Amino acid sequence: GGSLRLSCAASRSIFRINAMGWHRQAPGKQREL
């Protein structure tokens, strides 16, 4: 029920990067979008 905020800092400008996102992988499972 709680909240958390993740941050992802890029080493250069992300202005022209097509897409950015988050994936996750739980134990024993495949990585998912």
PDB file of all heavy atoms in Angstrom:
ATOM      1  N   GLY A   1       0.796  -1.218   0.000  1.00  0.00           N
ATOM      2  CA  GLY A   1       0.000   0.000   0.000  1.00  0.00           C
ATOM      3  C   GLY A   1       0.827   1.264   0.000  1.00  0.00           C
ATOM      4  O   GLY A   1       0.294   2.362  -0.205  1.00  0.00           O
ATOM      5  N   GLY A   2       2.125   1.127   0.223  1.00  0.00           N
ATOM      6  CA  GLY A   2       3.006   2.282   0.284  1.00  0.00           C
ATOM      7  C   GLY A   2       3.453   2.748  -1.093  1.00  0.00           C
ATOM      8  O   GLY A   2       3.081   2.184  -2.112  1.00  0.00           O
ATOM      9  N   SER A   3       4.271   3.798  -1.073  1.00  0.00           N
ATOM     10  CA  SER A   3       4.737   4.399  -2.317  1.00  0.00           C
ATOM     11  C   SER A   3       6.255   4.451  -2.363  1.00  0.00           C
ATOM     12  O   SER A   3       6.919   4.457  -1.325  1.00  0.00           O
ATOM     13  CB  SER A   3       4.181   5.828  -2.449  1.00  0.00           C
ATOM     14  OG  SER A   3       2.770   5.818  -2.514  1.00  0.00           O
ATOM     15  N   LEU A   4       6.758   4.529  -3.581  1.00  0.00           N
ATOM     16  CA  LEU A   4       8.196   4.622  -3.796  1.00  0.00           C
ATOM     17  C   LEU A   4       8.397   5.320  -5.123  1.00  0.00           C
ATOM     18  O   LEU A   4       7.606   5.126  -6.054  1.00  0.00           O
ATOM     19  CB  LEU A   4       8.809   3.217  -3.845  1.00  0.00           C
ATOM     20  CG  LEU A   4      10.304   3.039  -3.585  1.00  0.00           C
ATOM     21  CD1 LEU A   4      10.640   3.457  -2.161  1.00  0.00           C
ATOM     22  CD2 LEU A   4      10.696   1.591  -3.813  1.00  0.00           C
ATOM     23  N   ARG A   5       9.440   6.141  -5.220  1.00  0.00           N
ATOM     24  CA  ARG A   5       9.749   6.772  -6.492  1.00  0.00           C
ATOM     25  C   ARG A   5      11.160   6.403  -6.915  1.00  0.00           C
ATOM     26  O   ARG A   5      12.111   6.624  -6.178  1.00  0.00           O
ATOM     27  CB  ARG A   5       9.623   8.290  -6.418  1.00  0.00           C
ATOM     28  CG  ARG A   5       9.744   8.946  -7.808  1.00  0.00           C
ATOM     29  CD  ARG A   5       9.528  10.436  -7.794  1.00  0.00           C
ATOM     30  NE  ARG A   5      10.709  11.165  -7.413  1.00  0.00           N
ATOM     31  CZ  ARG A   5      10.971  12.429  -7.741  1.00  0.00           C
ATOM     32  NH1 ARG A   5      10.086  13.082  -8.496  1.00  0.00           N
ATOM     33  NH2 ARG A   5      12.055  13.034  -7.336  1.00  0.00           N
ATOM     34  N   LEU A   6      11.264   5.859  -8.103  1.00  0.00           N
ATOM     35  CA  LEU A   6      12.557   5.530  -8.677  1.00  0.00           C
ATOM     36  C   LEU A   6      12.998   6.645  -9.623  1.00  0.00           C
ATOM     37  O   LEU A   6      12.173   7.256 -10.290  1.00  0.00           O
ATOM     38  CB  LEU A   6      12.484   4.219  -9.452  1.00  0.00           C
ATOM     39  CG  LEU A   6      12.005   2.986  -8.694  1.00  0.00           C
ATOM     40  CD1 LEU A   6      12.032   1.768  -9.604  1.00  0.00           C
ATOM     41  CD2 LEU A   6      12.840   2.749  -7.453  1.00  0.00           C
ATOM     42  N   SER A   7      14.301   6.860  -9.663  1.00  0.00           N
ATOM     43  CA  SER A   7      14.880   7.840 -10.583  1.00  0.00           C
ATOM     44  C   SER A   7      15.919   7.154 -11.451  1.00  0.00           C
ATOM     45  O   SER A   7      16.609   6.236 -11.007  1.00  0.00           O
ATOM     46  CB  SER A   7      15.544   8.982  -9.812  1.00  0.00           C
ATOM     47  OG  SER A   7      14.621   9.664  -9.001  1.00  0.00           O
ATOM     48  N   CYS A   8      16.026   7.627 -12.670  1.00  0.00           N
ATOM     49  CA  CYS A   8      17.030   7.110 -13.594  1.00  0.00           C
ATOM     50  C   CYS A   8      17.724   8.310 -14.234  1.00  0.00           C
ATOM     51  O   CYS A   8      17.107   9.042 -15.022  1.00  0.00           O
ATOM     52  CB  CYS A   8      16.381   6.250 -14.667  1.00  0.00           C
ATOM     53  SG  CYS A   8      17.496   5.747 -15.997  1.00  0.00           S
ATOM     54  N   ALA A   9      18.983   8.497 -13.873  1.00  0.00           N
ATOM     55  CA  ALA A   9      19.746   9.620 -14.396  1.00  0.00           C
ATOM     56  C   ALA A   9      20.595   9.159 -15.575  1.00  0.00           C
ATOM     57  O   ALA A   9      21.347   8.184 -15.459  1.00  0.00           O
ATOM     58  CB  ALA A   9      20.630  10.205 -13.303  1.00  0.00           C
ATOM     59  N   ALA A  10      20.478   9.870 -16.680  1.00  0.00           N
ATOM     60  CA  ALA A  10      21.254   9.537 -17.881  1.00  0.00           C
ATOM     61  C   ALA A  10      22.521  10.382 -17.943  1.00  0.00           C
ATOM     62  O   ALA A  10      22.559  11.502 -17.428  1.00  0.00           O
ATOM     63  CB  ALA A  10      20.411   9.767 -19.124  1.00  0.00           C
ATOM     64  N   SER A  11      23.536   9.839 -18.594  1.00  0.00           N
ATOM     65  CA  SER A  11      24.840  10.505 -18.645  1.00  0.00           C
ATOM     66  C   SER A  11      24.886  11.620 -19.685  1.00  0.00           C
ATOM     67  O   SER A  11      25.857  12.371 -19.726  1.00  0.00           O
ATOM     68  CB  SER A  11      25.942   9.484 -18.948  1.00  0.00           C
ATOM     69  OG  SER A  11      25.697   8.849 -20.202  1.00  0.00           O
ATOM     70  N   ARG A  12      23.862  11.689 -20.532  1.00  0.00           N
ATOM     71  CA  ARG A  12      23.796  12.759 -21.515  1.00  0.00           C
ATOM     72  C   ARG A  12      22.346  13.156 -21.725  1.00  0.00           C
ATOM     73  O   ARG A  12      21.447  12.559 -21.153  1.00  0.00           O
ATOM     74  CB  ARG A  12      24.442  12.329 -22.836  1.00  0.00           C
ATOM     75  CG  ARG A  12      23.726  11.205 -23.571  1.00  0.00           C
ATOM     76  CD  ARG A  12      24.279  11.078 -24.978  1.00  0.00           C
ATOM     77  NE  ARG A  12      23.693   9.996 -25.757  1.00  0.00           N
ATOM     78  CZ  ARG A  12      22.555  10.104 -26.426  1.00  0.00           C
ATOM     79  NH1 ARG A  12      21.860  11.223 -26.396  1.00  0.00           N
ATOM     80  NH2 ARG A  12      22.107   9.071 -27.144  1.00  0.00           N
ATOM     81  N   SER A  13      22.138  14.128 -22.551  1.00  0.00           N
ATOM     82  CA  SER A  13      20.798  14.627 -22.798  1.00  0.00           C
ATOM     83  C   SER A  13      19.874  13.515 -23.288  1.00  0.00           C
ATOM     84  O   SER A  13      20.240  12.717 -24.134  1.00  0.00           O
ATOM     85  CB  SER A  13      20.839  15.747 -23.842  1.00  0.00           C
ATOM     86  OG  SER A  13      19.526  16.127 -24.203  1.00  0.00           O
ATOM     87  N   ILE A  14      18.673  13.490 -22.734  1.00  0.00           N
ATOM     88  CA  ILE A  14      17.689  12.493 -23.153  1.00  0.00           C
ATOM     89  C   ILE A  14      16.683  13.095 -24.122  1.00  0.00           C
ATOM     90  O   ILE A  14      15.743  12.427 -24.535  1.00  0.00           O
ATOM     91  CB  ILE A  14      16.937  11.893 -21.944  1.00  0.00           C
ATOM     92  CG1 ILE A  14      16.110  12.985 -21.225  1.00  0.00           C
ATOM     93  CG2 ILE A  14      17.912  11.233 -20.989  1.00  0.00           C
ATOM     94  CD1 ILE A  14      15.199  12.423 -20.139  1.00  0.00           C
ATOM     95  N   PHE A  15      16.918  14.347 -24.498  1.00  0.00           N
ATOM     96  CA  PHE A  15      15.938  15.032 -25.328  1.00  0.00           C
ATOM     97  C   PHE A  15      15.664  14.282 -26.621  1.00  0.00           C
ATOM     98  O   PHE A  15      14.532  14.204 -27.078  1.00  0.00           O
ATOM     99  CB  PHE A  15      16.425  16.455 -25.629  1.00  0.00           C
ATOM    100  CG  PHE A  15      15.468  17.256 -26.461  1.00  0.00           C
ATOM    101  CD1 PHE A  15      14.296  17.743 -25.911  1.00  0.00           C
ATOM    102  CD2 PHE A  15      15.722  17.523 -27.805  1.00  0.00           C
ATOM    103  CE1 PHE A  15      13.398  18.483 -26.666  1.00  0.00           C
ATOM    104  CE2 PHE A  15      14.834  18.263 -28.568  1.00  0.00           C
ATOM    105  CZ  PHE A  15      13.674  18.736 -27.992  1.00  0.00           C
ATOM    106  N   ARG A  16      16.698  13.697 -27.219  1.00  0.00           N
ATOM    107  CA  ARG A  16      16.529  13.036 -28.511  1.00  0.00           C
ATOM    108  C   ARG A  16      16.445  11.520 -28.394  1.00  0.00           C
ATOM    109  O   ARG A  16      16.415  10.825 -29.390  1.00  0.00           O
ATOM    110  CB  ARG A  16      17.679  13.416 -29.445  1.00  0.00           C
ATOM    111  CG  ARG A  16      17.686  14.891 -29.814  1.00  0.00           C
ATOM    112  CD  ARG A  16      18.683  15.212 -30.910  1.00  0.00           C
ATOM    113  NE  ARG A  16      18.689  16.630 -31.228  1.00  0.00           N
ATOM    114  CZ  ARG A  16      17.813  17.201 -32.027  1.00  0.00           C
ATOM    115  NH1 ARG A  16      16.872  16.480 -32.617  1.00  0.00           N
ATOM    116  NH2 ARG A  16      17.880  18.501 -32.260  1.00  0.00           N
ATOM    117  N   ILE A  17      16.395  11.021 -27.178  1.00  0.00           N
ATOM    118  CA  ILE A  17      16.265   9.578 -26.997  1.00  0.00           C
ATOM    119  C   ILE A  17      14.829   9.181 -27.314  1.00  0.00           C
ATOM    120  O   ILE A  17      13.883   9.775 -26.802  1.00  0.00           O
ATOM    121  CB  ILE A  17      16.643   9.162 -25.563  1.00  0.00           C
ATOM    122  CG1 ILE A  17      18.153   9.361 -25.361  1.00  0.00           C
ATOM    123  CG2 ILE A  17      16.257   7.717 -25.311  1.00  0.00           C
ATOM    124  CD1 ILE A  17      18.643   8.968 -23.991  1.00  0.00           C
ATOM    125  N   ASN A  18      14.684   8.174 -28.154  1.00  0.00           N
ATOM    126  CA  ASN A  18      13.361   7.797 -28.655  1.00  0.00           C
ATOM    127  C   ASN A  18      12.394   7.419 -27.545  1.00  0.00           C
ATOM    128  O   ASN A  18      11.257   7.877 -27.502  1.00  0.00           O
ATOM    129  CB  ASN A  18      13.491   6.630 -29.641  1.00  0.00           C
ATOM    130  CG  ASN A  18      14.302   7.004 -30.860  1.00  0.00           C
ATOM    131  OD1 ASN A  18      14.295   8.146 -31.302  1.00  0.00           O
ATOM    132  ND2 ASN A  18      15.033   6.053 -31.403  1.00  0.00           N
ATOM    133  N   ALA A  19      12.852   6.571 -26.663  1.00  0.00           N
ATOM    134  CA  ALA A  19      11.972   6.103 -25.592  1.00  0.00           C
ATOM    135  C   ALA A  19      12.808   5.709 -24.391  1.00  0.00           C
ATOM    136  O   ALA A  19      13.942   5.234 -24.530  1.00  0.00           O
ATOM    137  CB  ALA A  19      11.152   4.909 -26.064  1.00  0.00           C
ATOM    138  N   MET A  20      12.236   5.913 -23.253  1.00  0.00           N
ATOM    139  CA  MET A  20      12.867   5.472 -22.007  1.00  0.00           C
ATOM    140  C   MET A  20      11.812   4.779 -21.181  1.00  0.00           C
ATOM    141  O   MET A  20      10.606   5.057 -21.310  1.00  0.00           O
ATOM    142  CB  MET A  20      13.463   6.643 -21.240  1.00  0.00           C
ATOM    143  CG  MET A  20      14.606   7.322 -21.990  1.00  0.00           C
ATOM    144  SD  MET A  20      15.475   8.526 -20.981  1.00  0.00           S
ATOM    145  CE  MET A  20      16.342   7.459 -19.825  1.00  0.00           C
ATOM    146  N   GLY A  21      12.269   3.873 -20.343  1.00  0.00           N
ATOM    147  CA  GLY A  21      11.272   3.159 -19.566  1.00  0.00           C
ATOM    148  C   GLY A  21      11.869   2.371 -18.426  1.00  0.00           C
ATOM    149  O   GLY A  21      13.067   2.499 -18.118  1.00  0.00           O
ATOM    150  N   TRP A  22      11.007   1.613 -17.833  1.00  0.00           N
ATOM    151  CA  TRP A  22      11.386   0.761 -16.706  1.00  0.00           C
ATOM    152  C   TRP A  22      10.913  -0.663 -16.971  1.00  0.00           C
ATOM    153  O   TRP A  22       9.782  -0.872 -17.409  1.00  0.00           O
ATOM    154  CB  TRP A  22      10.747   1.271 -15.417  1.00  0.00           C
ATOM    155  CG  TRP A  22      11.265   2.590 -14.978  1.00  0.00           C
ATOM    156  CD1 TRP A  22      10.793   3.827 -15.313  1.00  0.00           C
ATOM    157  CD2 TRP A  22      12.377   2.814 -14.117  1.00  0.00           C
ATOM    158  NE1 TRP A  22      11.545   4.814 -14.725  1.00  0.00           N
ATOM    159  CE2 TRP A  22      12.517   4.212 -13.973  1.00  0.00           C
ATOM    160  CE3 TRP A  22      13.268   1.985 -13.443  1.00  0.00           C
ATOM    161  CZ2 TRP A  22      13.515   4.794 -13.189  1.00  0.00           C
ATOM    162  CZ3 TRP A  22      14.252   2.559 -12.655  1.00  0.00           C
ATOM    163  CH2 TRP A  22      14.382   3.949 -12.531  1.00  0.00           C
ATOM    164  N   HIS A  23      11.807  -1.595 -16.712  1.00  0.00           N
ATOM    165  CA  HIS A  23      11.487  -3.006 -16.721  1.00  0.00           C
ATOM    166  C   HIS A  23      11.720  -3.528 -15.309  1.00  0.00           C
ATOM    167  O   HIS A  23      12.385  -2.874 -14.503  1.00  0.00           O
ATOM    168  CB  HIS A  23      12.373  -3.763 -17.703  1.00  0.00           C
ATOM    169  CG  HIS A  23      12.054  -3.506 -19.145  1.00  0.00           C
ATOM    170  ND1 HIS A  23      12.211  -2.276 -19.735  1.00  0.00           N
ATOM    171  CD2 HIS A  23      11.576  -4.308 -20.112  1.00  0.00           C
ATOM    172  CE1 HIS A  23      11.861  -2.343 -21.001  1.00  0.00           C
ATOM    173  NE2 HIS A  23      11.473  -3.570 -21.263  1.00  0.00           N
ATOM    174  N   ARG A  24      11.215  -4.697 -15.029  1.00  0.00           N
ATOM    175  CA  ARG A  24      11.491  -5.317 -13.739  1.00  0.00           C
ATOM    176  C   ARG A  24      11.633  -6.822 -13.896  1.00  0.00           C
ATOM    177  O   ARG A  24      11.092  -7.409 -14.837  1.00  0.00           O
ATOM    178  CB  ARG A  24      10.404  -4.982 -12.717  1.00  0.00           C
ATOM    179  CG  ARG A  24       9.048  -5.631 -12.998  1.00  0.00           C
ATOM    180  CD  ARG A  24       8.014  -5.138 -11.998  1.00  0.00           C
ATOM    181  NE  ARG A  24       6.696  -5.720 -12.245  1.00  0.00           N
ATOM    182  CZ  ARG A  24       5.585  -5.362 -11.602  1.00  0.00           C
ATOM    183  NH1 ARG A  24       5.641  -4.412 -10.679  1.00  0.00           N
ATOM    184  NH2 ARG A  24       4.440  -5.947 -11.884  1.00  0.00           N
ATOM    185  N   GLN A  25      12.365  -7.389 -12.971  1.00  0.00           N
ATOM    186  CA  GLN A  25      12.558  -8.838 -12.975  1.00  0.00           C
ATOM    187  C   GLN A  25      12.437  -9.355 -11.558  1.00  0.00           C
ATOM    188  O   GLN A  25      13.244  -8.990 -10.686  1.00  0.00           O
ATOM    189  CB  GLN A  25      13.914  -9.211 -13.571  1.00  0.00           C
ATOM    190  CG  GLN A  25      14.095 -10.703 -13.763  1.00  0.00           C
ATOM    191  CD  GLN A  25      15.269 -11.044 -14.650  1.00  0.00           C
ATOM    192  OE1 GLN A  25      16.162 -10.226 -14.874  1.00  0.00           O
ATOM    193  NE2 GLN A  25      15.268 -12.259 -15.200  1.00  0.00           N
ATOM    194  N   ALA A  26      11.438 -10.176 -11.348  1.00  0.00           N
ATOM    195  CA  ALA A  26      11.224 -10.809 -10.051  1.00  0.00           C
ATOM    196  C   ALA A  26      11.980 -12.129 -10.025  1.00  0.00           C
ATOM    197  O   ALA A  26      12.279 -12.708 -11.068  1.00  0.00           O
ATOM    198  CB  ALA A  26       9.733 -11.038  -9.823  1.00  0.00           C
ATOM    199  N   PRO A  27      12.294 -12.632  -8.832  1.00  0.00           N
ATOM    200  CA  PRO A  27      13.022 -13.905  -8.730  1.00  0.00           C
ATOM    201  C   PRO A  27      12.299 -15.023  -9.472  1.00  0.00           C
ATOM    202  O   PRO A  27      11.099 -15.225  -9.287  1.00  0.00           O
ATOM    203  CB  PRO A  27      13.051 -14.166  -7.226  1.00  0.00           C
ATOM    204  CG  PRO A  27      12.943 -12.823  -6.614  1.00  0.00           C
ATOM    205  CD  PRO A  27      12.050 -12.027  -7.518  1.00  0.00           C
ATOM    206  N   GLY A  28      13.025 -15.720 -10.326  1.00  0.00           N
ATOM    207  CA  GLY A  28      12.463 -16.844 -11.057  1.00  0.00           C
ATOM    208  C   GLY A  28      11.575 -16.476 -12.217  1.00  0.00           C
ATOM    209  O   GLY A  28      10.961 -17.356 -12.832  1.00  0.00           O
ATOM    210  N   LYS A  29      11.485 -15.190 -12.538  1.00  0.00           N
ATOM    211  CA  LYS A  29      10.618 -14.752 -13.626  1.00  0.00           C
ATOM    212  C   LYS A  29      11.418 -13.999 -14.678  1.00  0.00           C
ATOM    213  O   LYS A  29      12.529 -13.539 -14.440  1.00  0.00           O
ATOM    214  CB  LYS A  29       9.493 -13.864 -13.087  1.00  0.00           C
ATOM    215  CG  LYS A  29       8.542 -14.589 -12.164  1.00  0.00           C
ATOM    216  CD  LYS A  29       7.353 -13.713 -11.827  1.00  0.00           C
ATOM    217  CE  LYS A  29       6.343 -14.460 -10.967  1.00  0.00           C
ATOM    218  NZ  LYS A  29       5.159 -13.614 -10.649  1.00  0.00           N
ATOM    219  N   GLN A  30      10.821 -13.867 -15.861  1.00  0.00           N
ATOM    220  CA  GLN A  30      11.469 -13.124 -16.924  1.00  0.00           C
ATOM    221  C   GLN A  30      11.323 -11.624 -16.677  1.00  0.00           C
ATOM    222  O   GLN A  30      10.397 -11.170 -16.012  1.00  0.00           O
ATOM    223  CB  GLN A  30      10.837 -13.496 -18.271  1.00  0.00           C
ATOM    224  CG  GLN A  30      11.173 -14.902 -18.748  1.00  0.00           C
ATOM    225  CD  GLN A  30      10.690 -15.161 -20.157  1.00  0.00           C
ATOM    226  OE1 GLN A  30       9.690 -14.599 -20.590  1.00  0.00           O
ATOM    227  NE2 GLN A  30      11.399 -16.002 -20.890  1.00  0.00           N
ATOM    228  N   ARG A  31      12.253 -10.882 -17.267  1.00  0.00           N
ATOM    229  CA  ARG A  31      12.168  -9.431 -17.191  1.00  0.00           C
ATOM    230  C   ARG A  31      10.947  -8.966 -18.002  1.00  0.00           C
ATOM    231  O   ARG A  31      10.690  -9.465 -19.091  1.00  0.00           O
ATOM    232  CB  ARG A  31      13.444  -8.786 -17.747  1.00  0.00           C
ATOM    233  CG  ARG A  31      13.565  -7.305 -17.501  1.00  0.00           C
ATOM    234  CD  ARG A  31      14.910  -6.757 -17.949  1.00  0.00           C
ATOM    235  NE  ARG A  31      16.008  -7.347 -17.196  1.00  0.00           N
ATOM    236  CZ  ARG A  31      17.254  -6.892 -17.254  1.00  0.00           C
ATOM    237  NH1 ARG A  31      17.546  -5.841 -18.017  1.00  0.00           N
ATOM    238  NH2 ARG A  31      18.209  -7.465 -16.562  1.00  0.00           N
ATOM    239  N   GLU A  32      10.216  -8.021 -17.437  1.00  0.00           N
ATOM    240  CA  GLU A  32       9.012  -7.540 -18.103  1.00  0.00           C
ATOM    241  C   GLU A  32       8.974  -6.020 -18.124  1.00  0.00           C
ATOM    242  O   GLU A  32       9.512  -5.362 -17.234  1.00  0.00           O
ATOM    243  CB  GLU A  32       7.754  -8.052 -17.368  1.00  0.00           C
ATOM    244  CG  GLU A  32       7.628  -7.575 -15.943  1.00  0.00           C
ATOM    245  CD  GLU A  32       6.306  -7.976 -15.295  1.00  0.00           C
ATOM    246  OE1 GLU A  32       5.444  -8.573 -15.969  1.00  0.00           O
ATOM    247  OE2 GLU A  32       6.140  -7.670 -14.096  1.00  0.00           O
ATOM    248  N   LEU A  33       8.314  -5.505 -19.155  1.00  0.00           N
ATOM    249  CA  LEU A  33       8.143  -4.066 -19.261  1.00  0.00           C
ATOM    250  C   LEU A  33       7.153  -3.587 -18.211  1.00  0.00           C
ATOM    251  O   LEU A  33       6.087  -4.174 -18.042  1.00  0.00           O
ATOM    252  CB  LEU A  33       7.634  -3.695 -20.654  1.00  0.00           C
ATOM    253  CG  LEU A  33       7.250  -2.236 -20.859  1.00  0.00           C
ATOM    254  CD1 LEU A  33       8.470  -1.343 -20.795  1.00  0.00           C
ATOM    255  CD2 LEU A  33       6.520  -2.052 -22.183  1.00  0.00           C
TER     256      LEU A  33
END
